[in-house]
Protein backbone atom coordinates (compact mmCIF):
# COMPACT_ATOMS: atom_id res chain seq x y z
CA MET A 1 49.43 12.86 10.64
CA ALA A 2 48.44 16.53 10.59
CA VAL A 3 47.24 16.22 7.00
CA THR A 4 45.07 13.24 7.94
CA VAL A 5 43.47 15.14 10.82
CA SER A 6 42.79 18.20 8.69
CA VAL A 7 41.27 16.06 5.92
CA LEU A 8 39.12 14.24 8.48
CA LEU A 9 37.90 17.54 9.92
CA TRP A 10 37.12 18.83 6.42
CA VAL A 11 35.09 15.67 5.70
CA ILE A 12 33.15 16.04 8.95
CA LYS A 13 32.43 19.71 8.23
CA SER A 14 31.27 18.85 4.72
CA LEU A 15 29.01 16.08 6.01
CA CYS A 16 27.47 18.49 8.51
CA LYS A 17 26.71 20.96 5.71
CA ILE A 18 25.18 18.20 3.57
CA LEU A 19 23.10 16.83 6.44
CA TYR A 20 21.75 20.29 7.26
CA GLN A 21 20.49 20.67 3.70
CA ILE A 22 18.26 17.60 4.09
CA PRO A 23 14.78 18.86 5.04
CA LEU A 24 14.23 16.12 7.63
CA ALA A 25 17.51 17.01 9.37
CA ARG A 26 16.43 20.66 9.64
CA GLU A 27 13.14 19.62 11.23
CA LEU A 28 14.84 17.72 14.05
CA GLY A 29 14.49 20.69 16.35
CA ASN A 30 17.09 21.15 19.06
CA GLY A 31 19.81 19.27 17.18
CA ASP A 32 20.10 16.26 19.48
CA SER A 33 19.04 13.90 16.73
CA LEU A 34 21.35 15.58 14.23
CA LYS A 35 24.23 15.15 16.67
CA GLY A 36 23.33 11.47 16.92
CA ILE A 37 23.40 11.11 13.14
CA ILE A 38 26.76 12.86 12.90
CA ARG A 39 28.15 10.76 15.75
CA SER A 40 27.02 7.58 13.99
CA VAL A 41 28.57 8.63 10.67
CA PHE A 42 31.82 9.50 12.42
CA THR A 43 31.87 6.18 14.28
CA CYS A 44 31.23 4.26 11.07
CA ALA A 45 34.05 6.13 9.34
CA ILE A 46 36.51 5.26 12.10
CA TRP A 47 35.54 1.57 12.17
CA THR A 48 35.61 1.32 8.37
CA ALA A 49 39.11 2.80 8.25
CA TYR A 50 40.23 0.41 11.00
CA LEU A 51 38.75 -2.64 9.29
CA LEU A 52 40.34 -1.72 5.95
CA LYS A 53 43.83 -0.87 7.29
CA SER A 54 44.37 -3.14 10.30
CA GLU A 55 46.88 -5.97 9.97
CA ARG A 56 45.14 -7.85 12.77
CA VAL A 57 41.84 -7.77 10.88
CA HIS A 58 43.61 -8.81 7.68
CA ASN A 59 45.21 -11.78 9.45
CA THR A 60 41.90 -12.82 11.02
CA PHE A 61 39.79 -12.61 7.87
CA VAL A 62 42.06 -14.16 5.25
CA LYS A 63 40.39 -15.24 2.01
């Protein structure tokens, strides 16, 4: 569990560094929009992991 959390934090930190290098992200000003982008990426990552690993989802969407 601790390894998963540390990997997740490393991914988030890396994404923040990448996003800051995008010129449009630097021009966002006070950072509210950048926080929104990061929050959206984080939310998508959580839902994607859930949809890929959940037994309930697998049982609902059987091919």
